[in-house]
C-alpha atoms as a PDB file:
ATOM      1  CA  MET A   1      29.477  -7.667  -2.490  1.00  0.00           C
ATOM      2  CA  THR A   2      27.685  -9.162  -5.377  1.00  0.00           C
ATOM      3  CA  ALA A   3      27.710 -12.420  -4.011  1.00  0.00           C
ATOM      4  CA  LEU A   4      24.892 -11.417  -1.677  1.00  0.00           C
ATOM      5  CA  LEU A   5      22.812  -9.477  -4.682  1.00  0.00           C
ATOM      6  CA  HIS A   6      21.734 -12.616  -5.995  1.00  0.00           C
ATOM      7  CA  ASP A   7      21.054 -14.303  -3.058  1.00  0.00           C
ATOM      8  CA  THR A   8      16.794 -13.077  -2.021  1.00  0.00           C
ATOM      9  CA  THR A   9      17.321 -13.280   1.373  1.00  0.00           C
ATOM     10  CA  SER A  10      20.013 -11.452   1.490  1.00  0.00           C
ATOM     11  CA  LEU A  11      18.498  -8.627  -0.030  1.00  0.00           C
ATOM     12  CA  ARG A  12      15.182  -8.984   2.144  1.00  0.00           C
ATOM     13  CA  ALA A  13      16.729  -8.707   5.040  1.00  0.00           C
ATOM     14  CA  VAL A  14      18.744  -5.804   3.973  1.00  0.00           C
ATOM     15  CA  TYR A  15      15.788  -4.109   2.199  1.00  0.00           C
ATOM     16  CA  GLY A  16      13.625  -4.544   5.590  1.00  0.00           C
ATOM     17  CA  ALA A  17      16.390  -2.951   7.619  1.00  0.00           C
ATOM     18  CA  PHE A  18      14.757   0.593   6.007  1.00  0.00           C
ATOM     19  CA  PRO A  19      11.079   1.221   7.911  1.00  0.00           C
ATOM     20  CA  THR A  20       8.281   2.015   5.461  1.00  0.00           C
ATOM     21  CA  GLY A  21       5.038   2.738   6.101  1.00  0.00           C
ATOM     22  CA  VAL A  22       2.319   0.545   4.890  1.00  0.00           C
ATOM     23  CA  THR A  23      -0.884   1.423   2.189  1.00  0.00           C
ATOM     24  CA  ALA A  24      -3.858  -0.671   0.624  1.00  0.00           C
ATOM     25  CA  VAL A  25      -4.473  -0.348  -2.695  1.00  0.00           C
ATOM     26  CA  ALA A  26      -7.945  -0.376  -3.783  1.00  0.00           C
ATOM     27  CA  ALA A  27     -10.676  -0.097  -6.116  1.00  0.00           C
ATOM     28  CA  VAL A  28     -14.350  -1.392  -7.084  1.00  0.00           C
ATOM     29  CA  VAL A  29     -13.928  -3.489 -10.120  1.00  0.00           C
ATOM     30  CA  GLY A  30     -16.781  -5.712 -11.214  1.00  0.00           C
ATOM     31  CA  GLY A  31     -19.045  -4.625  -8.708  1.00  0.00           C
ATOM     32  CA  ARG A  32     -17.031  -5.307  -5.768  1.00  0.00           C
ATOM     33  CA  PRO A  33     -13.755  -4.034  -4.332  1.00  0.00           C
ATOM     34  CA  VAL A  34     -10.290  -5.176  -4.984  1.00  0.00           C
ATOM     35  CA  GLY A  35      -6.766  -4.691  -3.033  1.00  0.00           C
ATOM     36  CA  MET A  36      -3.866  -5.401  -2.052  1.00  0.00           C
ATOM     37  CA  ALA A  37      -0.936  -4.079   0.251  1.00  0.00           C
ATOM     38  CA  ALA A  38       1.840  -1.932  -0.467  1.00  0.00           C
ATOM     39  CA  SER A  39       5.119  -0.799   1.367  1.00  0.00           C
ATOM     40  CA  SER A  40       7.037   0.564  -1.784  1.00  0.00           C
ATOM     41  CA  PHE A  41       4.506   4.218  -1.694  1.00  0.00           C
ATOM     42  CA  THR A  42       6.096   7.029  -1.040  1.00  0.00           C
ATOM     43  CA  THR A  43       5.800  10.881  -2.953  1.00  0.00           C
ATOM     44  CA  VAL A  44       6.810  11.679  -5.779  1.00  0.00           C
ATOM     45  CA  SER A  45       5.382  15.315  -6.524  1.00  0.00           C
ATOM     46  CA  LEU A  46       3.920  18.369  -5.000  1.00  0.00           C
ATOM     47  CA  THR A  47       3.002  20.416  -9.146  1.00  0.00           C
ATOM     48  CA  PRO A  48       1.394  18.182 -10.334  1.00  0.00           C
ATOM     49  CA  PRO A  49       0.498  16.076  -7.067  1.00  0.00           C
ATOM     50  CA  LEU A  50       2.389  12.523  -7.378  1.00  0.00           C
ATOM     51  CA  VAL A  51       2.973   9.885  -5.742  1.00  0.00           C
ATOM     52  CA  SER A  52       4.576   6.246  -6.574  1.00  0.00           C
ATOM     53  CA  VAL A  53       4.224   2.202  -5.738  1.00  0.00           C
ATOM     54  CA  CYS A  54       5.854  -1.072  -7.168  1.00  0.00           C
ATOM     55  CA  MET A  55       3.684  -3.127  -7.625  1.00  0.00           C
ATOM     56  CA  ALA A  56       4.842  -6.746  -8.906  1.00  0.00           C
ATOM     57  CA  HIS A  57       4.643  -8.148 -11.888  1.00  0.00           C
ATOM     58  CA  SER A  58       3.871 -11.950 -10.236  1.00  0.00           C
ATOM     59  CA  SER A  59       1.121 -10.059  -8.372  1.00  0.00           C
ATOM     60  CA  SER A  60      -2.093 -11.712  -9.448  1.00  0.00           C
ATOM     61  CA  THR A  61      -4.472  -8.435  -8.439  1.00  0.00           C
ATOM     62  CA  TRP A  62      -2.273  -5.518 -10.133  1.00  0.00           C
ATOM     63  CA  PRO A  63      -3.714  -6.868 -13.623  1.00  0.00           C
ATOM     64  CA  ALA A  64      -7.568  -5.952 -12.202  1.00  0.00           C
ATOM     65  CA  LEU A  65      -6.732  -3.116 -10.549  1.00  0.00           C
ATOM     66  CA  ARG A  66      -4.998  -1.826 -14.042  1.00  0.00           C
ATOM     67  CA  ARG A  67      -9.075  -1.652 -15.174  1.00  0.00           C
ATOM     68  CA  ALA A  68     -10.043   0.805 -12.542  1.00  0.00           C
ATOM     69  CA  GLU A  69     -10.245   4.517 -12.964  1.00  0.00           C
ATOM     70  CA  ARG A  70      -9.270   4.937 -10.077  1.00  0.00           C
ATOM     71  CA  LEU A  71      -7.353   3.783  -6.909  1.00  0.00           C
ATOM     72  CA  GLY A  72      -7.974   4.316  -3.281  1.00  0.00           C
ATOM     73  CA  ILE A  73      -4.145   5.096  -1.468  1.00  0.00           C
ATOM     74  CA  SER A  74      -5.134   4.237   2.328  1.00  0.00           C
ATOM     75  CA  VAL A  75      -2.012   4.490   4.830  1.00  0.00           C
ATOM     76  CA  LEU A  76      -2.548   1.748   6.875  1.00  0.00           C
ATOM     77  CA  ALA A  77      -2.723   3.012  11.020  1.00  0.00           C
ATOM     78  CA  SER A  78      -1.469   0.893  13.406  1.00  0.00           C
ATOM     79  CA  ASP A  79      -4.017  -1.021  14.267  1.00  0.00           C
ATOM     80  CA  HIS A  80      -4.308  -2.074  11.192  1.00  0.00           C
ATOM     81  CA  GLY A  81      -1.573  -5.483  11.326  1.00  0.00           C
ATOM     82  CA  PRO A  82      -4.024  -8.151  10.779  1.00  0.00           C
ATOM     83  CA  LEU A  83      -5.936  -5.766   8.141  1.00  0.00           C
ATOM     84  CA  CYS A  84      -2.898  -5.838   6.609  1.00  0.00           C
ATOM     85  CA  ARG A  85      -1.962  -9.327   6.542  1.00  0.00           C
ATOM     86  CA  ARG A  86      -5.619  -9.826   5.280  1.00  0.00           C
ATOM     87  CA  LEU A  87      -5.169  -7.928   2.169  1.00  0.00           C
ATOM     88  CA  ALA A  88      -1.425  -9.844   1.556  1.00  0.00           C
ATOM     89  CA  GLY A  89      -4.045 -13.154   1.685  1.00  0.00           C
ATOM     90  CA  PRO A  90      -6.949 -14.597  -0.273  1.00  0.00           C
ATOM     91  CA  ALA A  91      -7.926 -12.079  -2.828  1.00  0.00           C
ATOM     92  CA  GLU A  92     -11.891 -13.117  -2.050  1.00  0.00           C
ATOM     93  CA  ASP A  93     -11.168 -12.486   2.155  1.00  0.00           C
ATOM     94  CA  ARG A  94      -9.607  -9.361   1.967  1.00  0.00           C
ATOM     95  CA  PHE A  95     -12.884  -6.829   1.941  1.00  0.00           C
ATOM     96  CA  THR A  96     -14.625  -9.424   4.790  1.00  0.00           C
ATOM     97  CA  GLY A  97     -15.219  -7.467   7.918  1.00  0.00           C
ATOM     98  CA  VAL A  98     -13.189  -4.066   6.730  1.00  0.00           C
ATOM     99  CA  ALA A  99     -15.093  -1.613   6.450  1.00  0.00           C
ATOM    100  CA  TRP A 100     -14.399   1.052   3.601  1.00  0.00           C
ATOM    101  CA  ARG A 101     -15.508   3.375   1.275  1.00  0.00           C
ATOM    102  CA  ALA A 102     -15.856   3.846  -2.613  1.00  0.00           C
ATOM    103  CA  THR A 103     -15.021   7.147  -4.136  1.00  0.00           C
ATOM    104  CA  PRO A 104     -17.817   8.544  -6.750  1.00  0.00           C
ATOM    105  CA  ASP A 105     -14.822   6.744  -9.373  1.00  0.00           C
ATOM    106  CA  GLY A 106     -14.180   4.030  -8.181  1.00  0.00           C
ATOM    107  CA  ALA A 107     -11.123   4.107  -5.551  1.00  0.00           C
ATOM    108  CA  VAL A 108     -11.785   2.370  -2.590  1.00  0.00           C
ATOM    109  CA  LEU A 109     -10.548   4.031   1.338  1.00  0.00           C
ATOM    110  CA  LEU A 110     -10.492   2.273   4.011  1.00  0.00           C
ATOM    111  CA  ASP A 111     -12.008   3.277   7.007  1.00  0.00           C
ATOM    112  CA  GLY A 112      -9.314   4.126  10.212  1.00  0.00           C
ATOM    113  CA  ALA A 113      -6.515   4.721   8.344  1.00  0.00           C
ATOM    114  CA  SER A 114      -4.639   7.706   8.784  1.00  0.00           C
ATOM    115  CA  ALA A 115      -4.273   9.232   5.674  1.00  0.00           C
ATOM    116  CA  TRP A 116      -6.092   8.614   2.461  1.00  0.00           C
ATOM    117  CA  PHE A 117      -5.471   9.674  -1.853  1.00  0.00           C
ATOM    118  CA  ASP A 118      -7.632   9.434  -4.482  1.00  0.00           C
ATOM    119  CA  CYS A 119      -5.206   8.266  -7.700  1.00  0.00           C
ATOM    120  CA  SER A 120      -5.065   7.636 -11.648  1.00  0.00           C
ATOM    121  CA  VAL A 121      -2.278   5.801 -13.118  1.00  0.00           C
ATOM    122  CA  GLU A 122       0.055   8.708 -14.941  1.00  0.00           C
ATOM    123  CA  GLN A 123       2.956   6.602 -15.941  1.00  0.00           C
ATOM    124  CA  GLU A 124       3.936   3.256 -15.210  1.00  0.00           C
ATOM    125  CA  VAL A 125       7.505   2.505 -15.701  1.00  0.00           C
ATOM    126  CA  ARG A 126       8.802  -1.318 -15.604  1.00  0.00           C
ATOM    127  CA  ALA A 127      12.376  -1.800 -13.013  1.00  0.00           C
ATOM    128  CA  GLY A 128      13.117  -5.221 -12.914  1.00  0.00           C
ATOM    129  CA  ASP A 129      10.822  -7.681 -11.295  1.00  0.00           C
ATOM    130  CA  HIS A 130       8.040  -5.008 -10.425  1.00  0.00           C
ATOM    131  CA  ASP A 131       6.660  -2.321 -12.337  1.00  0.00           C
ATOM    132  CA  ILE A 132       6.647   1.574 -10.454  1.00  0.00           C
ATOM    133  CA  LEU A 133       3.318   3.291 -10.717  1.00  0.00           C
ATOM    134  CA  VAL A 134       3.172   6.848 -10.464  1.00  0.00           C
ATOM    135  CA  LEU A 135       0.029   8.111  -9.384  1.00  0.00           C
ATOM    136  CA  ARG A 136      -1.542  11.336 -10.408  1.00  0.00           C
ATOM    137  CA  VAL A 137      -3.521  12.885  -7.012  1.00  0.00           C
ATOM    138  CA  HIS A 138      -7.083  14.270  -7.299  1.00  0.00           C
ATOM    139  CA  ASP A 139      -8.062  14.447  -3.607  1.00  0.00           C
ATOM    140  CA  LEU A 140      -6.101  13.015  -0.324  1.00  0.00           C
ATOM    141  CA  ARG A 141      -6.948  14.019   2.926  1.00  0.00           C
ATOM    142  CA  ALA A 142      -5.060  13.214   6.807  1.00  0.00           C
ATOM    143  CA  ASP A 143      -5.801  12.157   9.677  1.00  0.00           C
ATOM    144  CA  PRO A 144      -3.181  13.773  12.348  1.00  0.00           C
ATOM    145  CA  ALA A 145      -4.703  12.248  14.783  1.00  0.00           C
ATOM    146  CA  VAL A 146      -4.098   8.611  13.728  1.00  0.00           C
ATOM    147  CA  ASP A 147      -0.693   6.986  13.991  1.00  0.00           C
ATOM    148  CA  PRO A 148       0.414   5.029  10.815  1.00  0.00           C
ATOM    149  CA  LEU A 149       1.798   1.546  10.584  1.00  0.00           C
ATOM    150  CA  VAL A 150       5.186   0.926  10.242  1.00  0.00           C
ATOM    151  CA  PHE A 151       6.963  -2.676   8.837  1.00  0.00           C
ATOM    152  CA  HIS A 152      10.409  -2.530   9.893  1.00  0.00           C
ATOM    153  CA  ALA A 153      12.491  -6.301   9.993  1.00  0.00           C
ATOM    154  CA  SER A 154       9.739  -8.004   8.410  1.00  0.00           C
ATOM    155  CA  THR A 155       7.339  -6.231  11.738  1.00  0.00           C
ATOM    156  CA  PHE A 156       4.944  -4.278  11.698  1.00  0.00           C
ATOM    157  CA  ARG A 157       6.004  -1.060  14.497  1.00  0.00           C
ATOM    158  CA  SER A 158       4.176   2.079  15.769  1.00  0.00           C
ATOM    159  CA  LEU A 159       5.398   4.910  15.659  1.00  0.00           C
ATOM    160  CA  ASP A 160       4.631   6.017  19.859  1.00  0.00           C
ATOM    161  CA  PRO A 161       7.053   5.487  22.271  1.00  0.00           C
ATOM    162  CA  ALA A 162       4.571   4.027  24.557  1.00  0.00           C
ATOM    163  CA  ALA A 163       3.990   0.813  22.301  1.00  0.00           C
ATOM    164  CA  THR A 164       6.066  -1.797  24.526  1.00  0.00           C
ATOM    165  CA  ARG A 165       6.465  -4.932  21.632  1.00  0.00           C
ATOM    166  CA  PRO A 166       6.626  -4.728  17.239  1.00  0.00           C
ATOM    167  CA  THR A 167       3.145  -6.594  15.740  1.00  0.00           C
ATOM    168  CA  PRO A 168       4.444  -9.808  14.278  1.00  0.00           C
END
């Protein structure tokens, strides 16, 4: 069993067996939107309202986002697969043609998402090759009519049982 733990390909495959939602983490930095996709989002606490997301130490986007007063977390919708891929691509192209709005404190929230969180960094915990960010929720909203995007086995999927195939 230990040999598998040193094989990142096997780790990714087994980690991918756990379906996750997909979020965009974004803010206005230097007068422009900066953001990235993150599938490590989870709720943490009701009192106080806390959520978390993990950021890789190798991320070139997180250092810019870290400077923001507020971060927007948008839970991507089932039709946001191409948008998610764009958010993982070159930084200068991430928001081209993307409808978004900024809160007065600079959190960027994407239109058409199934839920939104306006957050600030409460705590950072170093954990292996990532930092776990505990975020305080200042405002939130959900649209129950919008199905979320799900990432499973390196593929985007929908919760809609009528959906015939996963989205690559």
